Amino acid sequence: MTITLTNVSYDFLSALKGLMSLDRSVRIYEENEPNETTLQTIKDTEEGKNLVGPFNSVEDVMKALNAED
């Protein structure tokens, strides 16, 4: 049997996992769907948009991260 839960809190899932783990025949799988920001980031990356770099060192990466836009 498969039960799909959506839009439930982390606390609820944690409690449910704790209870269900007592029955060793139960398997719990988590499936997370990306939000709109993540989907847009994936699309931009695939299209080569809004990218920065390449960087030659960690120092260069940190400068870019700390730079004011």
PDB file of N, CA and C in Angstrom:
ATOM      1  N   MET A   1       0.846  -1.167   0.000  1.00  0.00           N
ATOM      2  CA  MET A   1       0.000   0.000   0.000  1.00  0.00           C
ATOM      3  C   MET A   1       0.895   1.235   0.000  1.00  0.00           C
ATOM      4  N   THR A   2       0.513   2.233  -0.756  1.00  0.00           N
ATOM      5  CA  THR A   2       1.218   3.507  -0.790  1.00  0.00           C
ATOM      6  C   THR A   2       0.267   4.603  -0.339  1.00  0.00           C
ATOM      7  N   ILE A   3       0.746   5.443   0.555  1.00  0.00           N
ATOM      8  CA  ILE A   3      -0.023   6.587   1.024  1.00  0.00           C
ATOM      9  C   ILE A   3       0.775   7.829   0.689  1.00  0.00           C
ATOM     10  N   THR A   4       0.158   8.776   0.027  1.00  0.00           N
ATOM     11  CA  THR A   4       0.822  10.019  -0.327  1.00  0.00           C
ATOM     12  C   THR A   4       0.293  11.138   0.555  1.00  0.00           C
ATOM     13  N   LEU A   5       1.205  11.823   1.217  1.00  0.00           N
ATOM     14  CA  LEU A   5       0.855  12.959   2.067  1.00  0.00           C
ATOM     15  C   LEU A   5       1.471  14.211   1.464  1.00  0.00           C
ATOM     16  N   THR A   6       0.688  15.241   1.326  1.00  0.00           N
ATOM     17  CA  THR A   6       1.220  16.506   0.816  1.00  0.00           C
ATOM     18  C   THR A   6       0.902  17.615   1.796  1.00  0.00           C
ATOM     19  N   ASN A   7       1.734  18.607   1.805  1.00  0.00           N
ATOM     20  CA  ASN A   7       1.541  19.794   2.637  1.00  0.00           C
ATOM     21  C   ASN A   7       1.347  19.467   4.110  1.00  0.00           C
ATOM     22  N   VAL A   8       2.179  18.567   4.618  1.00  0.00           N
ATOM     23  CA  VAL A   8       2.147  18.273   6.046  1.00  0.00           C
ATOM     24  C   VAL A   8       3.419  18.816   6.677  1.00  0.00           C
ATOM     25  N   SER A   9       3.354  19.106   7.949  1.00  0.00           N
ATOM     26  CA  SER A   9       4.494  19.726   8.631  1.00  0.00           C
ATOM     27  C   SER A   9       5.613  18.716   8.878  1.00  0.00           C
ATOM     28  N   TYR A  10       6.798  19.246   9.069  1.00  0.00           N
ATOM     29  CA  TYR A  10       7.958  18.424   9.384  1.00  0.00           C
ATOM     30  C   TYR A  10       7.724  17.676  10.689  1.00  0.00           C
ATOM     31  N   ASP A  11       7.134  18.344  11.683  1.00  0.00           N
ATOM     32  CA  ASP A  11       6.874  17.706  12.974  1.00  0.00           C
ATOM     33  C   ASP A  11       5.932  16.518  12.817  1.00  0.00           C
ATOM     34  N   PHE A  12       4.897  16.679  12.009  1.00  0.00           N
ATOM     35  CA  PHE A  12       3.960  15.586  11.764  1.00  0.00           C
ATOM     36  C   PHE A  12       4.673  14.413  11.110  1.00  0.00           C
ATOM     37  N   LEU A  13       5.478  14.694  10.094  1.00  0.00           N
ATOM     38  CA  LEU A  13       6.198  13.620   9.410  1.00  0.00           C
ATOM     39  C   LEU A  13       7.168  12.916  10.347  1.00  0.00           C
ATOM     40  N   SER A  14       7.833  13.680  11.197  1.00  0.00           N
ATOM     41  CA  SER A  14       8.766  13.076  12.151  1.00  0.00           C
ATOM     42  C   SER A  14       8.044  12.145  13.110  1.00  0.00           C
ATOM     43  N   ALA A  15       6.901  12.588  13.612  1.00  0.00           N
ATOM     44  CA  ALA A  15       6.119  11.747  14.520  1.00  0.00           C
ATOM     45  C   ALA A  15       5.629  10.491  13.805  1.00  0.00           C
ATOM     46  N   LEU A  16       5.155  10.649  12.595  1.00  0.00           N
ATOM     47  CA  LEU A  16       4.657   9.519  11.819  1.00  0.00           C
ATOM     48  C   LEU A  16       5.773   8.513  11.558  1.00  0.00           C
ATOM     49  N   LYS A  17       6.948   9.002  11.197  1.00  0.00           N
ATOM     50  CA  LYS A  17       8.089   8.116  10.966  1.00  0.00           C
ATOM     51  C   LYS A  17       8.424   7.332  12.233  1.00  0.00           C
ATOM     52  N   GLY A  18       8.388   8.036  13.363  1.00  0.00           N
ATOM     53  CA  GLY A  18       8.695   7.374  14.633  1.00  0.00           C
ATOM     54  C   GLY A  18       7.726   6.246  14.926  1.00  0.00           C
ATOM     55  N   LEU A  19       6.450   6.488  14.715  1.00  0.00           N
ATOM     56  CA  LEU A  19       5.444   5.456  14.964  1.00  0.00           C
ATOM     57  C   LEU A  19       5.545   4.310  13.966  1.00  0.00           C
ATOM     58  N   MET A  20       5.748   4.642  12.706  1.00  0.00           N
ATOM     59  CA  MET A  20       5.768   3.615  11.672  1.00  0.00           C
ATOM     60  C   MET A  20       7.042   2.781  11.721  1.00  0.00           C
ATOM     61  N   SER A  21       8.106   3.336  12.259  1.00  0.00           N
ATOM     62  CA  SER A  21       9.353   2.576  12.316  1.00  0.00           C
ATOM     63  C   SER A  21       9.252   1.410  13.293  1.00  0.00           C
ATOM     64  N   LEU A  22       8.247   1.415  14.156  1.00  0.00           N
ATOM     65  CA  LEU A  22       8.045   0.296  15.076  1.00  0.00           C
ATOM     66  C   LEU A  22       7.634  -0.959  14.320  1.00  0.00           C
ATOM     67  N   ASP A  23       7.026  -0.802  13.166  1.00  0.00           N
ATOM     68  CA  ASP A  23       6.626  -1.931  12.323  1.00  0.00           C
ATOM     69  C   ASP A  23       7.663  -2.067  11.219  1.00  0.00           C
ATOM     70  N   ARG A  24       8.500  -3.076  11.316  1.00  0.00           N
ATOM     71  CA  ARG A  24       9.617  -3.213  10.376  1.00  0.00           C
ATOM     72  C   ARG A  24       9.182  -3.520   8.947  1.00  0.00           C
ATOM     73  N   SER A  25       7.937  -3.847   8.732  1.00  0.00           N
ATOM     74  CA  SER A  25       7.462  -4.132   7.372  1.00  0.00           C
ATOM     75  C   SER A  25       7.108  -2.848   6.618  1.00  0.00           C
ATOM     76  N   VAL A  26       7.063  -1.730   7.341  1.00  0.00           N
ATOM     77  CA  VAL A  26       6.700  -0.446   6.731  1.00  0.00           C
ATOM     78  C   VAL A  26       7.951   0.222   6.186  1.00  0.00           C
ATOM     79  N   ARG A  27       7.884   0.680   4.964  1.00  0.00           N
ATOM     80  CA  ARG A  27       8.983   1.422   4.337  1.00  0.00           C
ATOM     81  C   ARG A  27       8.506   2.844   4.083  1.00  0.00           C
ATOM     82  N   ILE A  28       9.321   3.801   4.429  1.00  0.00           N
ATOM     83  CA  ILE A  28       8.952   5.210   4.263  1.00  0.00           C
ATOM     84  C   ILE A  28       9.837   5.820   3.184  1.00  0.00           C
ATOM     85  N   TYR A  29       9.201   6.423   2.211  1.00  0.00           N
ATOM     86  CA  TYR A  29       9.910   7.110   1.133  1.00  0.00           C
ATOM     87  C   TYR A  29       9.456   8.556   1.130  1.00  0.00           C
ATOM     88  N   GLU A  30      10.403   9.460   1.024  1.00  0.00           N
ATOM     89  CA  GLU A  30      10.065  10.872   0.952  1.00  0.00           C
ATOM     90  C   GLU A  30      10.283  11.359  -0.468  1.00  0.00           C
ATOM     91  N   GLU A  31       9.343  12.107  -0.958  1.00  0.00           N
ATOM     92  CA  GLU A  31       9.452  12.673  -2.296  1.00  0.00           C
ATOM     93  C   GLU A  31       9.166  14.157  -2.176  1.00  0.00           C
ATOM     94  N   ASN A  32      10.125  14.943  -2.531  1.00  0.00           N
ATOM     95  CA  ASN A  32       9.974  16.395  -2.420  1.00  0.00           C
ATOM     96  C   ASN A  32       9.890  17.008  -3.807  1.00  0.00           C
ATOM     97  N   GLU A  33       8.928  17.862  -3.996  1.00  0.00           N
ATOM     98  CA  GLU A  33       8.778  18.554  -5.269  1.00  0.00           C
ATOM     99  C   GLU A  33       9.424  19.931  -5.149  1.00  0.00           C
ATOM    100  N   PRO A  34      10.184  20.342  -6.161  1.00  0.00           N
ATOM    101  CA  PRO A  34      10.825  21.647  -6.098  1.00  0.00           C
ATOM    102  C   PRO A  34       9.804  22.784  -6.179  1.00  0.00           C
ATOM    103  N   ASN A  35      10.110  23.888  -5.466  1.00  0.00           N
ATOM    104  CA  ASN A  35       9.224  25.055  -5.523  1.00  0.00           C
ATOM    105  C   ASN A  35       9.530  25.867  -6.783  1.00  0.00           C
ATOM    106  N   GLU A  36       8.774  26.938  -6.979  1.00  0.00           N
ATOM    107  CA  GLU A  36       8.916  27.739  -8.210  1.00  0.00           C
ATOM    108  C   GLU A  36      10.312  28.339  -8.360  1.00  0.00           C
ATOM    109  N   THR A  37      10.908  28.797  -7.259  1.00  0.00           N
ATOM    110  CA  THR A  37      12.249  29.386  -7.319  1.00  0.00           C
ATOM    111  C   THR A  37      13.261  28.346  -7.786  1.00  0.00           C
ATOM    112  N   THR A  38      13.167  27.150  -7.233  1.00  0.00           N
ATOM    113  CA  THR A  38      14.087  26.082  -7.622  1.00  0.00           C
ATOM    114  C   THR A  38      13.881  25.698  -9.083  1.00  0.00           C
ATOM    115  N   LEU A  39      12.634  25.582  -9.507  1.00  0.00           N
ATOM    116  CA  LEU A  39      12.350  25.250 -10.909  1.00  0.00           C
ATOM    117  C   LEU A  39      12.923  26.304 -11.852  1.00  0.00           C
ATOM    118  N   GLN A  40      12.785  27.585 -11.485  1.00  0.00           N
ATOM    119  CA  GLN A  40      13.319  28.659 -12.323  1.00  0.00           C
ATOM    120  C   GLN A  40      14.843  28.596 -12.364  1.00  0.00           C
ATOM    121  N   THR A  41      15.462  28.304 -11.237  1.00  0.00           N
ATOM    122  CA  THR A  41      16.913  28.198 -11.184  1.00  0.00           C
ATOM    123  C   THR A  41      17.408  27.054 -12.063  1.00  0.00           C
ATOM    124  N   ILE A  42      16.722  25.929 -12.022  1.00  0.00           N
ATOM    125  CA  ILE A  42      17.086  24.793 -12.873  1.00  0.00           C
ATOM    126  C   ILE A  42      16.956  25.176 -14.348  1.00  0.00           C
ATOM    127  N   LYS A  43      15.856  25.822 -14.689  1.00  0.00           N
ATOM    128  CA  LYS A  43      15.642  26.244 -16.079  1.00  0.00           C
ATOM    129  C   LYS A  43      16.730  27.212 -16.527  1.00  0.00           C
ATOM    130  N   ASP A  44      17.014  28.229 -15.691  1.00  0.00           N
ATOM    131  CA  ASP A  44      18.059  29.196 -16.030  1.00  0.00           C
ATOM    132  C   ASP A  44      19.404  28.509 -16.238  1.00  0.00           C
ATOM    133  N   THR A  45      19.732  27.571 -15.371  1.00  0.00           N
ATOM    134  CA  THR A  45      21.005  26.869 -15.475  1.00  0.00           C
ATOM    135  C   THR A  45      21.074  26.073 -16.768  1.00  0.00           C
ATOM    136  N   GLU A  46      20.003  25.384 -17.093  1.00  0.00           N
ATOM    137  CA  GLU A  46      19.976  24.605 -18.339  1.00  0.00           C
ATOM    138  C   GLU A  46      20.108  25.492 -19.567  1.00  0.00           C
ATOM    139  N   GLU A  47      19.601  26.728 -19.468  1.00  0.00           N
ATOM    140  CA  GLU A  47      19.653  27.663 -20.586  1.00  0.00           C
ATOM    141  C   GLU A  47      20.876  28.576 -20.537  1.00  0.00           C
ATOM    142  N   GLY A  48      21.710  28.405 -19.505  1.00  0.00           N
ATOM    143  CA  GLY A  48      22.914  29.215 -19.384  1.00  0.00           C
ATOM    144  C   GLY A  48      22.643  30.659 -18.997  1.00  0.00           C
ATOM    145  N   LYS A  49      21.543  30.913 -18.313  1.00  0.00           N
ATOM    146  CA  LYS A  49      21.160  32.271 -17.910  1.00  0.00           C
ATOM    147  C   LYS A  49      21.456  32.500 -16.425  1.00  0.00           C
ATOM    148  N   ASN A  50      21.711  33.775 -16.091  1.00  0.00           N
ATOM    149  CA  ASN A  50      21.902  34.192 -14.697  1.00  0.00           C
ATOM    150  C   ASN A  50      22.993  33.411 -13.979  1.00  0.00           C
ATOM    151  N   LEU A  51      24.050  33.091 -14.699  1.00  0.00           N
ATOM    152  CA  LEU A  51      25.166  32.355 -14.121  1.00  0.00           C
ATOM    153  C   LEU A  51      26.308  33.307 -13.810  1.00  0.00           C
ATOM    154  N   VAL A  52      27.126  32.960 -12.854  1.00  0.00           N
ATOM    155  CA  VAL A  52      28.334  33.720 -12.542  1.00  0.00           C
ATOM    156  C   VAL A  52      29.511  32.761 -12.565  1.00  0.00           C
ATOM    157  N   GLY A  53      30.707  33.328 -12.730  1.00  0.00           N
ATOM    158  CA  GLY A  53      31.888  32.481 -12.764  1.00  0.00           C
ATOM    159  C   GLY A  53      32.341  32.291 -14.203  1.00  0.00           C
ATOM    160  N   PRO A  54      33.269  31.434 -14.466  1.00  0.00           N
ATOM    161  CA  PRO A  54      33.899  30.495 -13.548  1.00  0.00           C
ATOM    162  C   PRO A  54      34.851  31.192 -12.577  1.00  0.00           C
ATOM    163  N   PHE A  55      35.165  30.495 -11.524  1.00  0.00           N
ATOM    164  CA  PHE A  55      36.063  31.024 -10.505  1.00  0.00           C
ATOM    165  C   PHE A  55      37.325  30.177 -10.467  1.00  0.00           C
ATOM    166  N   ASN A  56      38.438  30.838 -10.161  1.00  0.00           N
ATOM    167  CA  ASN A  56      39.727  30.150 -10.123  1.00  0.00           C
ATOM    168  C   ASN A  56      40.145  29.759  -8.716  1.00  0.00           C
ATOM    169  N   SER A  57      39.419  30.263  -7.718  1.00  0.00           N
ATOM    170  CA  SER A  57      39.790  29.942  -6.339  1.00  0.00           C
ATOM    171  C   SER A  57      38.582  30.147  -5.429  1.00  0.00           C
ATOM    172  N   VAL A  58      38.664  29.600  -4.243  1.00  0.00           N
ATOM    173  CA  VAL A  58      37.620  29.800  -3.240  1.00  0.00           C
ATOM    174  C   VAL A  58      37.546  31.280  -2.881  1.00  0.00           C
ATOM    175  N   GLU A  59      38.696  31.936  -2.852  1.00  0.00           N
ATOM    176  CA  GLU A  59      38.727  33.367  -2.539  1.00  0.00           C
ATOM    177  C   GLU A  59      37.896  34.158  -3.556  1.00  0.00           C
ATOM    178  N   ASP A  60      38.002  33.807  -4.831  1.00  0.00           N
ATOM    179  CA  ASP A  60      37.214  34.485  -5.865  1.00  0.00           C
ATOM    180  C   ASP A  60      35.717  34.233  -5.680  1.00  0.00           C
ATOM    181  N   VAL A  61      35.374  33.012  -5.301  1.00  0.00           N
ATOM    182  CA  VAL A  61      33.968  32.687  -5.052  1.00  0.00           C
ATOM    183  C   VAL A  61      33.449  33.525  -3.895  1.00  0.00           C
ATOM    184  N   MET A  62      34.212  33.602  -2.819  1.00  0.00           N
ATOM    185  CA  MET A  62      33.782  34.348  -1.644  1.00  0.00           C
ATOM    186  C   MET A  62      33.644  35.836  -1.943  1.00  0.00           C
ATOM    187  N   LYS A  63      34.528  36.376  -2.768  1.00  0.00           N
ATOM    188  CA  LYS A  63      34.403  37.785  -3.166  1.00  0.00           C
ATOM    189  C   LYS A  63      33.101  38.016  -3.916  1.00  0.00           C
ATOM    190  N   ALA A  64      32.759  37.092  -4.820  1.00  0.00           N
ATOM    191  CA  ALA A  64      31.522  37.222  -5.582  1.00  0.00           C
ATOM    192  C   ALA A  64      30.300  37.089  -4.665  1.00  0.00           C
ATOM    193  N   LEU A  65      30.346  36.167  -3.735  1.00  0.00           N
ATOM    194  CA  LEU A  65      29.222  35.976  -2.817  1.00  0.00           C
ATOM    195  C   LEU A  65      29.001  37.197  -1.919  1.00  0.00           C
ATOM    196  N   ASN A  66      30.092  37.820  -1.517  1.00  0.00           N
ATOM    197  CA  ASN A  66      30.005  38.949  -0.601  1.00  0.00           C
ATOM    198  C   ASN A  66      29.852  40.305  -1.289  1.00  0.00           C
ATOM    199  N   ALA A  67      29.937  40.321  -2.602  1.00  0.00           N
ATOM    200  CA  ALA A  67      29.814  41.570  -3.358  1.00  0.00           C
ATOM    201  C   ALA A  67      28.397  42.091  -3.282  1.00  0.00           C
ATOM    202  N   GLU A  68      28.273  43.387  -3.213  1.00  0.00           N
ATOM    203  CA  GLU A  68      26.941  43.999  -3.241  1.00  0.00           C
ATOM    204  C   GLU A  68      26.469  44.034  -4.685  1.00  0.00           C
ATOM    205  N   ASP A  69      25.200  43.691  -4.891  1.00  0.00           N
ATOM    206  CA  ASP A  69      24.660  43.658  -6.254  1.00  0.00           C
ATOM    207  C   ASP A  69      24.449  45.025  -6.809  1.00  0.00           C
TER     208      ASP A  69
END
